[in-house]
Amino acid sequence: VIVSAIGASSPYLVMDSSGNATLTWVGNGVIYASTKTLTGTWSTPTSLSNSGASAPRLGIDDAGNVIAAWVRAGNIESSTKLFG
């Protein structure tokens, strides 16, 4: 299944204990995210950052809350709670 085909790189995936997945990647210098439930399909990608971002990472807690972090302009930036 192709989630993004436009210059995508640096994919990063986490999955909660229920099998729900969250994926981030870099597309043309912007961090994108998409989610998929265990039995569902990938959501429409959402942009998380401004341009010039790289190195996305995801964290997930025991309740399934997901937060993304990335590097942009020499700073570490993060999202508010993405999913969960």
PDB file of N, CA and C in Angstrom:
ATOM      1  N   VAL A   1       0.854  -1.182   0.000  1.00  0.00           N
ATOM      2  CA  VAL A   1       0.000   0.000   0.000  1.00  0.00           C
ATOM      3  C   VAL A   1       0.888   1.230   0.000  1.00  0.00           C
ATOM      4  N   ILE A   2       0.649   2.143  -0.906  1.00  0.00           N
ATOM      5  CA  ILE A   2       1.417   3.386  -0.971  1.00  0.00           C
ATOM      6  C   ILE A   2       0.670   4.459  -0.196  1.00  0.00           C
ATOM      7  N   VAL A   3       1.323   5.001   0.841  1.00  0.00           N
ATOM      8  CA  VAL A   3       0.737   6.091   1.630  1.00  0.00           C
ATOM      9  C   VAL A   3       1.120   7.428   1.014  1.00  0.00           C
ATOM     10  N   SER A   4       2.374   7.544   0.569  1.00  0.00           N
ATOM     11  CA  SER A   4       2.862   8.771  -0.059  1.00  0.00           C
ATOM     12  C   SER A   4       3.900   8.399  -1.095  1.00  0.00           C
ATOM     13  N   ALA A   5       3.813   8.993  -2.263  1.00  0.00           N
ATOM     14  CA  ALA A   5       4.770   8.686  -3.317  1.00  0.00           C
ATOM     15  C   ALA A   5       5.519   9.917  -3.803  1.00  0.00           C
ATOM     16  N   ILE A   6       5.439  11.021  -3.102  1.00  0.00           N
ATOM     17  CA  ILE A   6       6.046  12.265  -3.556  1.00  0.00           C
ATOM     18  C   ILE A   6       7.327  12.527  -2.774  1.00  0.00           C
ATOM     19  N   GLY A   7       8.436  12.042  -3.259  1.00  0.00           N
ATOM     20  CA  GLY A   7       9.727  12.314  -2.634  1.00  0.00           C
ATOM     21  C   GLY A   7       9.807  11.914  -1.176  1.00  0.00           C
ATOM     22  N   ALA A   8       9.179  10.827  -0.787  1.00  0.00           N
ATOM     23  CA  ALA A   8       9.133  10.421   0.623  1.00  0.00           C
ATOM     24  C   ALA A   8      10.460   9.805   1.064  1.00  0.00           C
ATOM     25  N   SER A   9      10.843  10.091   2.324  1.00  0.00           N
ATOM     26  CA  SER A   9      12.036   9.492   2.928  1.00  0.00           C
ATOM     27  C   SER A   9      11.856   9.454   4.441  1.00  0.00           C
ATOM     28  N   SER A  10      12.771   8.800   5.108  1.00  0.00           N
ATOM     29  CA  SER A  10      12.834   8.746   6.568  1.00  0.00           C
ATOM     30  C   SER A  10      11.534   8.277   7.225  1.00  0.00           C
ATOM     31  N   PRO A  11      10.972   7.149   6.788  1.00  0.00           N
ATOM     32  CA  PRO A  11       9.746   6.677   7.439  1.00  0.00           C
ATOM     33  C   PRO A  11      10.004   6.241   8.874  1.00  0.00           C
ATOM     34  N   TYR A  12       9.011   6.433   9.744  1.00  0.00           N
ATOM     35  CA  TYR A  12       9.096   6.015  11.142  1.00  0.00           C
ATOM     36  C   TYR A  12       7.701   5.571  11.567  1.00  0.00           C
ATOM     37  N   LEU A  13       7.596   4.385  12.145  1.00  0.00           N
ATOM     38  CA  LEU A  13       6.304   3.770  12.453  1.00  0.00           C
ATOM     39  C   LEU A  13       6.252   3.324  13.903  1.00  0.00           C
ATOM     40  N   VAL A  14       5.106   3.567  14.553  1.00  0.00           N
ATOM     41  CA  VAL A  14       4.835   2.979  15.869  1.00  0.00           C
ATOM     42  C   VAL A  14       3.469   2.307  15.814  1.00  0.00           C
ATOM     43  N   MET A  15       3.312   1.298  16.662  1.00  0.00           N
ATOM     44  CA  MET A  15       2.044   0.573  16.736  1.00  0.00           C
ATOM     45  C   MET A  15       1.676   0.399  18.194  1.00  0.00           C
ATOM     46  N   ASP A  16       0.400   0.655  18.523  1.00  0.00           N
ATOM     47  CA  ASP A  16      -0.035   0.482  19.906  1.00  0.00           C
ATOM     48  C   ASP A  16      -0.414  -0.975  20.170  1.00  0.00           C
ATOM     49  N   SER A  17      -0.771  -1.267  21.395  1.00  0.00           N
ATOM     50  CA  SER A  17      -1.069  -2.653  21.788  1.00  0.00           C
ATOM     51  C   SER A  17      -2.330  -3.203  21.134  1.00  0.00           C
ATOM     52  N   SER A  18      -3.151  -2.325  20.540  1.00  0.00           N
ATOM     53  CA  SER A  18      -4.362  -2.769  19.840  1.00  0.00           C
ATOM     54  C   SER A  18      -4.134  -2.973  18.345  1.00  0.00           C
ATOM     55  N   GLY A  19      -2.927  -2.693  17.871  1.00  0.00           N
ATOM     56  CA  GLY A  19      -2.609  -2.873  16.470  1.00  0.00           C
ATOM     57  C   GLY A  19      -2.837  -1.647  15.609  1.00  0.00           C
ATOM     58  N   ASN A  20      -3.116  -0.496  16.221  1.00  0.00           N
ATOM     59  CA  ASN A  20      -3.271   0.755  15.480  1.00  0.00           C
ATOM     60  C   ASN A  20      -1.884   1.325  15.193  1.00  0.00           C
ATOM     61  N   ALA A  21      -1.665   1.763  13.959  1.00  0.00           N
ATOM     62  CA  ALA A  21      -0.342   2.227  13.552  1.00  0.00           C
ATOM     63  C   ALA A  21      -0.356   3.713  13.239  1.00  0.00           C
ATOM     64  N   THR A  22       0.767   4.375  13.515  1.00  0.00           N
ATOM     65  CA  THR A  22       0.996   5.757  13.122  1.00  0.00           C
ATOM     66  C   THR A  22       2.326   5.801  12.397  1.00  0.00           C
ATOM     67  N   LEU A  23       2.339   6.444  11.243  1.00  0.00           N
ATOM     68  CA  LEU A  23       3.516   6.524  10.386  1.00  0.00           C
ATOM     69  C   LEU A  23       3.843   7.984  10.141  1.00  0.00           C
ATOM     70  N   THR A  24       5.130   8.352  10.233  1.00  0.00           N
ATOM     71  CA  THR A  24       5.588   9.672   9.806  1.00  0.00           C
ATOM     72  C   THR A  24       6.655   9.491   8.748  1.00  0.00           C
ATOM     73  N   TRP A  25       6.842  10.534   7.938  1.00  0.00           N
ATOM     74  CA  TRP A  25       7.887  10.533   6.924  1.00  0.00           C
ATOM     75  C   TRP A  25       8.147  11.974   6.514  1.00  0.00           C
ATOM     76  N   VAL A  26       9.224  12.164   5.763  1.00  0.00           N
ATOM     77  CA  VAL A  26       9.568  13.472   5.219  1.00  0.00           C
ATOM     78  C   VAL A  26       9.202  13.468   3.746  1.00  0.00           C
ATOM     79  N   GLY A  27       8.497  14.493   3.316  1.00  0.00           N
ATOM     80  CA  GLY A  27       8.172  14.694   1.905  1.00  0.00           C
ATOM     81  C   GLY A  27       8.495  16.119   1.520  1.00  0.00           C
ATOM     82  N   ASN A  28       9.519  16.291   0.703  1.00  0.00           N
ATOM     83  CA  ASN A  28       9.931  17.636   0.278  1.00  0.00           C
ATOM     84  C   ASN A  28      10.182  18.566   1.456  1.00  0.00           C
ATOM     85  N   GLY A  29      10.824  18.052   2.504  1.00  0.00           N
ATOM     86  CA  GLY A  29      11.197  18.865   3.653  1.00  0.00           C
ATOM     87  C   GLY A  29      10.102  19.124   4.665  1.00  0.00           C
ATOM     88  N   VAL A  30       8.945  18.485   4.505  1.00  0.00           N
ATOM     89  CA  VAL A  30       7.825  18.633   5.446  1.00  0.00           C
ATOM     90  C   VAL A  30       7.558  17.275   6.088  1.00  0.00           C
ATOM     91  N   ILE A  31       7.270  17.262   7.392  1.00  0.00           N
ATOM     92  CA  ILE A  31       6.927  16.026   8.093  1.00  0.00           C
ATOM     93  C   ILE A  31       5.439  15.762   7.919  1.00  0.00           C
ATOM     94  N   TYR A  32       5.110  14.555   7.510  1.00  0.00           N
ATOM     95  CA  TYR A  32       3.723  14.119   7.336  1.00  0.00           C
ATOM     96  C   TYR A  32       3.438  12.954   8.272  1.00  0.00           C
ATOM     97  N   ALA A  33       2.167  12.757   8.601  1.00  0.00           N
ATOM     98  CA  ALA A  33       1.739  11.626   9.427  1.00  0.00           C
ATOM     99  C   ALA A  33       0.452  11.044   8.870  1.00  0.00           C
ATOM    100  N   SER A  34       0.294   9.751   9.079  1.00  0.00           N
ATOM    101  CA  SER A  34      -0.923   9.043   8.698  1.00  0.00           C
ATOM    102  C   SER A  34      -1.145   7.941   9.721  1.00  0.00           C
ATOM    103  N   THR A  35      -2.394   7.571   9.932  1.00  0.00           N
ATOM    104  CA  THR A  35      -2.712   6.511  10.885  1.00  0.00           C
ATOM    105  C   THR A  35      -3.525   5.413  10.208  1.00  0.00           C
ATOM    106  N   LYS A  36      -3.501   4.249  10.835  1.00  0.00           N
ATOM    107  CA  LYS A  36      -4.264   3.112  10.340  1.00  0.00           C
ATOM    108  C   LYS A  36      -4.715   2.277  11.528  1.00  0.00           C
ATOM    109  N   THR A  37      -6.011   2.015  11.607  1.00  0.00           N
ATOM    110  CA  THR A  37      -6.489   1.106  12.640  1.00  0.00           C
ATOM    111  C   THR A  37      -6.144  -0.317  12.216  1.00  0.00           C
ATOM    112  N   LEU A  38      -6.240  -1.241  13.133  1.00  0.00           N
ATOM    113  CA  LEU A  38      -5.887  -2.632  12.857  1.00  0.00           C
ATOM    114  C   LEU A  38      -6.588  -3.157  11.616  1.00  0.00           C
ATOM    115  N   THR A  39      -7.867  -2.861  11.457  1.00  0.00           N
ATOM    116  CA  THR A  39      -8.635  -3.399  10.334  1.00  0.00           C
ATOM    117  C   THR A  39      -8.980  -2.347   9.281  1.00  0.00           C
ATOM    118  N   GLY A  40      -8.472  -1.127   9.434  1.00  0.00           N
ATOM    119  CA  GLY A  40      -8.837  -0.042   8.524  1.00  0.00           C
ATOM    120  C   GLY A  40      -7.806   0.213   7.450  1.00  0.00           C
ATOM    121  N   THR A  41      -7.906   1.379   6.843  1.00  0.00           N
ATOM    122  CA  THR A  41      -6.963   1.812   5.823  1.00  0.00           C
ATOM    123  C   THR A  41      -6.221   3.045   6.335  1.00  0.00           C
ATOM    124  N   TRP A  42      -5.152   3.422   5.655  1.00  0.00           N
ATOM    125  CA  TRP A  42      -4.377   4.592   6.058  1.00  0.00           C
ATOM    126  C   TRP A  42      -5.197   5.865   5.886  1.00  0.00           C
ATOM    127  N   SER A  43      -5.095   6.759   6.866  1.00  0.00           N
ATOM    128  CA  SER A  43      -5.787   8.043   6.788  1.00  0.00           C
ATOM    129  C   SER A  43      -5.093   8.948   5.772  1.00  0.00           C
ATOM    130  N   THR A  44      -5.785   9.997   5.377  1.00  0.00           N
ATOM    131  CA  THR A  44      -5.187  11.006   4.512  1.00  0.00           C
ATOM    132  C   THR A  44      -4.007  11.628   5.252  1.00  0.00           C
ATOM    133  N   PRO A  45      -2.849  11.743   4.617  1.00  0.00           N
ATOM    134  CA  PRO A  45      -1.686  12.327   5.297  1.00  0.00           C
ATOM    135  C   PRO A  45      -1.949  13.750   5.783  1.00  0.00           C
ATOM    136  N   THR A  46      -1.405  14.055   6.952  1.00  0.00           N
ATOM    137  CA  THR A  46      -1.502  15.374   7.568  1.00  0.00           C
ATOM    138  C   THR A  46      -0.100  15.950   7.681  1.00  0.00           C
ATOM    139  N   SER A  47       0.096  17.202   7.288  1.00  0.00           N
ATOM    140  CA  SER A  47       1.408  17.828   7.464  1.00  0.00           C
ATOM    141  C   SER A  47       1.539  18.294   8.912  1.00  0.00           C
ATOM    142  N   LEU A  48       2.711  18.048   9.481  1.00  0.00           N
ATOM    143  CA  LEU A  48       2.962  18.406  10.876  1.00  0.00           C
ATOM    144  C   LEU A  48       3.906  19.592  11.027  1.00  0.00           C
ATOM    145  N   SER A  49       4.758  19.807  10.029  1.00  0.00           N
ATOM    146  CA  SER A  49       5.813  20.810  10.178  1.00  0.00           C
ATOM    147  C   SER A  49       5.789  21.812   9.028  1.00  0.00           C
ATOM    148  N   ASN A  50       6.572  22.848   9.196  1.00  0.00           N
ATOM    149  CA  ASN A  50       6.891  23.745   8.088  1.00  0.00           C
ATOM    150  C   ASN A  50       8.025  23.108   7.290  1.00  0.00           C
ATOM    151  N   SER A  51       8.403  23.717   6.188  1.00  0.00           N
ATOM    152  CA  SER A  51       9.461  23.149   5.355  1.00  0.00           C
ATOM    153  C   SER A  51      10.807  23.217   6.066  1.00  0.00           C
ATOM    154  N   GLY A  52      11.728  22.389   5.600  1.00  0.00           N
ATOM    155  CA  GLY A  52      13.064  22.332   6.183  1.00  0.00           C
ATOM    156  C   GLY A  52      13.188  21.345   7.321  1.00  0.00           C
ATOM    157  N   ALA A  53      12.208  20.472   7.507  1.00  0.00           N
ATOM    158  CA  ALA A  53      12.212  19.512   8.626  1.00  0.00           C
ATOM    159  C   ALA A  53      12.849  18.187   8.204  1.00  0.00           C
ATOM    160  N   SER A  54      13.351  17.454   9.188  1.00  0.00           N
ATOM    161  CA  SER A  54      13.961  16.145   8.937  1.00  0.00           C
ATOM    162  C   SER A  54      13.893  15.296  10.199  1.00  0.00           C
ATOM    163  N   ALA A  55      14.294  14.048  10.058  1.00  0.00           N
ATOM    164  CA  ALA A  55      14.466  13.109  11.171  1.00  0.00           C
ATOM    165  C   ALA A  55      13.233  12.945  12.057  1.00  0.00           C
ATOM    166  N   PRO A  56      12.073  12.608  11.480  1.00  0.00           N
ATOM    167  CA  PRO A  56      10.893  12.424  12.335  1.00  0.00           C
ATOM    168  C   PRO A  56      11.028  11.200  13.241  1.00  0.00           C
ATOM    169  N   ARG A  57      10.496  11.308  14.444  1.00  0.00           N
ATOM    170  CA  ARG A  57      10.428  10.206  15.400  1.00  0.00           C
ATOM    171  C   ARG A  57       9.068  10.267  16.076  1.00  0.00           C
ATOM    172  N   LEU A  58       8.603   9.119  16.521  1.00  0.00           N
ATOM    173  CA  LEU A  58       7.320   9.028  17.209  1.00  0.00           C
ATOM    174  C   LEU A  58       7.508   8.406  18.576  1.00  0.00           C
ATOM    175  N   GLY A  59       6.711   8.848  19.520  1.00  0.00           N
ATOM    176  CA  GLY A  59       6.640   8.237  20.838  1.00  0.00           C
ATOM    177  C   GLY A  59       5.202   7.845  21.106  1.00  0.00           C
ATOM    178  N   ILE A  60       5.027   6.773  21.837  1.00  0.00           N
ATOM    179  CA  ILE A  60       3.673   6.307  22.156  1.00  0.00           C
ATOM    180  C   ILE A  60       3.649   5.859  23.607  1.00  0.00           C
ATOM    181  N   ASP A  61       2.597   6.256  24.336  1.00  0.00           N
ATOM    182  CA  ASP A  61       2.492   5.847  25.734  1.00  0.00           C
ATOM    183  C   ASP A  61       1.562   4.636  25.868  1.00  0.00           C
ATOM    184  N   ASP A  62       1.388   4.156  27.085  1.00  0.00           N
ATOM    185  CA  ASP A  62       0.572   2.967  27.335  1.00  0.00           C
ATOM    186  C   ASP A  62      -0.890   3.151  26.958  1.00  0.00           C
ATOM    187  N   ALA A  63      -1.359   4.397  26.901  1.00  0.00           N
ATOM    188  CA  ALA A  63      -2.748   4.665  26.533  1.00  0.00           C
ATOM    189  C   ALA A  63      -2.937   4.805  25.025  1.00  0.00           C
ATOM    190  N   GLY A  64      -1.844   4.706  24.254  1.00  0.00           N
ATOM    191  CA  GLY A  64      -1.929   4.821  22.808  1.00  0.00           C
ATOM    192  C   GLY A  64      -1.820   6.238  22.283  1.00  0.00           C
ATOM    193  N   ASN A  65      -1.445   7.193  23.132  1.00  0.00           N
ATOM    194  CA  ASN A  65      -1.258   8.577  22.692  1.00  0.00           C
ATOM    195  C   ASN A  65       0.071   8.692  21.958  1.00  0.00           C
ATOM    196  N   VAL A  66       0.054   9.302  20.776  1.00  0.00           N
ATOM    197  CA  VAL A  66       1.239   9.414  19.936  1.00  0.00           C
ATOM    198  C   VAL A  66       1.650  10.880  19.823  1.00  0.00           C
ATOM    199  N   ILE A  67       2.953  11.144  19.967  1.00  0.00           N
ATOM    200  CA  ILE A  67       3.524  12.471  19.781  1.00  0.00           C
ATOM    201  C   ILE A  67       4.688  12.340  18.809  1.00  0.00           C
ATOM    202  N   ALA A  68       4.795  13.283  17.886  1.00  0.00           N
ATOM    203  CA  ALA A  68       5.887  13.291  16.912  1.00  0.00           C
ATOM    204  C   ALA A  68       6.890  14.379  17.278  1.00  0.00           C
ATOM    205  N   ALA A  69       8.160  14.121  16.965  1.00  0.00           N
ATOM    206  CA  ALA A  69       9.220  15.113  17.125  1.00  0.00           C
ATOM    207  C   ALA A  69      10.099  15.057  15.877  1.00  0.00           C
ATOM    208  N   TRP A  70      10.727  16.177  15.536  1.00  0.00           N
ATOM    209  CA  TRP A  70      11.582  16.254  14.363  1.00  0.00           C
ATOM    210  C   TRP A  70      12.552  17.408  14.538  1.00  0.00           C
ATOM    211  N   VAL A  71      13.500  17.531  13.624  1.00  0.00           N
ATOM    212  CA  VAL A  71      14.495  18.600  13.630  1.00  0.00           C
ATOM    213  C   VAL A  71      14.161  19.570  12.504  1.00  0.00           C
ATOM    214  N   ARG A  72      14.209  20.869  12.828  1.00  0.00           N
ATOM    215  CA  ARG A  72      14.034  21.904  11.808  1.00  0.00           C
ATOM    216  C   ARG A  72      14.839  23.124  12.214  1.00  0.00           C
ATOM    217  N   ALA A  73      15.675  23.596  11.318  1.00  0.00           N
ATOM    218  CA  ALA A  73      16.511  24.785  11.545  1.00  0.00           C
ATOM    219  C   ALA A  73      17.353  24.654  12.812  1.00  0.00           C
ATOM    220  N   GLY A  74      17.872  23.455  13.056  1.00  0.00           N
ATOM    221  CA  GLY A  74      18.726  23.223  14.220  1.00  0.00           C
ATOM    222  C   GLY A  74      17.995  23.108  15.539  1.00  0.00           C
ATOM    223  N   ASN A  75      16.675  23.104  15.515  1.00  0.00           N
ATOM    224  CA  ASN A  75      15.862  22.983  16.723  1.00  0.00           C
ATOM    225  C   ASN A  75      15.065  21.685  16.695  1.00  0.00           C
ATOM    226  N   ILE A  76      14.745  21.171  17.863  1.00  0.00           N
ATOM    227  CA  ILE A  76      13.834  20.036  17.965  1.00  0.00           C
ATOM    228  C   ILE A  76      12.437  20.594  18.162  1.00  0.00           C
ATOM    229  N   GLU A  77      11.534  20.202  17.275  1.00  0.00           N
ATOM    230  CA  GLU A  77      10.138  20.625  17.354  1.00  0.00           C
ATOM    231  C   GLU A  77       9.281  19.394  17.585  1.00  0.00           C
ATOM    232  N   SER A  78       8.081  19.607  18.105  1.00  0.00           N
ATOM    233  CA  SER A  78       7.194  18.463  18.337  1.00  0.00           C
ATOM    234  C   SER A  78       5.741  18.861  18.117  1.00  0.00           C
ATOM    235  N   SER A  79       4.940  17.841  17.931  1.00  0.00           N
ATOM    236  CA  SER A  79       3.506  18.029  17.791  1.00  0.00           C
ATOM    237  C   SER A  79       2.856  17.966  19.156  1.00  0.00           C
ATOM    238  N   THR A  80       1.632  18.407  19.228  1.00  0.00           N
ATOM    239  CA  THR A  80       0.824  18.079  20.389  1.00  0.00           C
ATOM    240  C   THR A  80       0.397  16.628  20.176  1.00  0.00           C
ATOM    241  N   LYS A  81      -0.389  16.107  21.053  1.00  0.00           N
ATOM    242  CA  LYS A  81      -0.834  14.710  20.897  1.00  0.00           C
ATOM    243  C   LYS A  81      -1.463  14.535  19.522  1.00  0.00           C
ATOM    244  N   LEU A  82      -0.934  13.597  18.753  1.00  0.00           N
ATOM    245  CA  LEU A  82      -1.440  13.348  17.406  1.00  0.00           C
ATOM    246  C   LEU A  82      -2.694  12.479  17.422  1.00  0.00           C
ATOM    247  N   PHE A  83      -2.552  11.341  18.001  1.00  0.00           N
ATOM    248  CA  PHE A  83      -3.600  10.335  17.929  1.00  0.00           C
ATOM    249  C   PHE A  83      -3.673   9.613  19.251  1.00  0.00           C
ATOM    250  N   GLY A  84      -4.807   9.014  19.525  1.00  0.00           N
ATOM    251  CA  GLY A  84      -4.964   8.255  20.751  1.00  0.00           C
ATOM    252  C   GLY A  84      -6.032   8.841  21.619  1.00  0.00           C
TER     253      GLY A  84
END
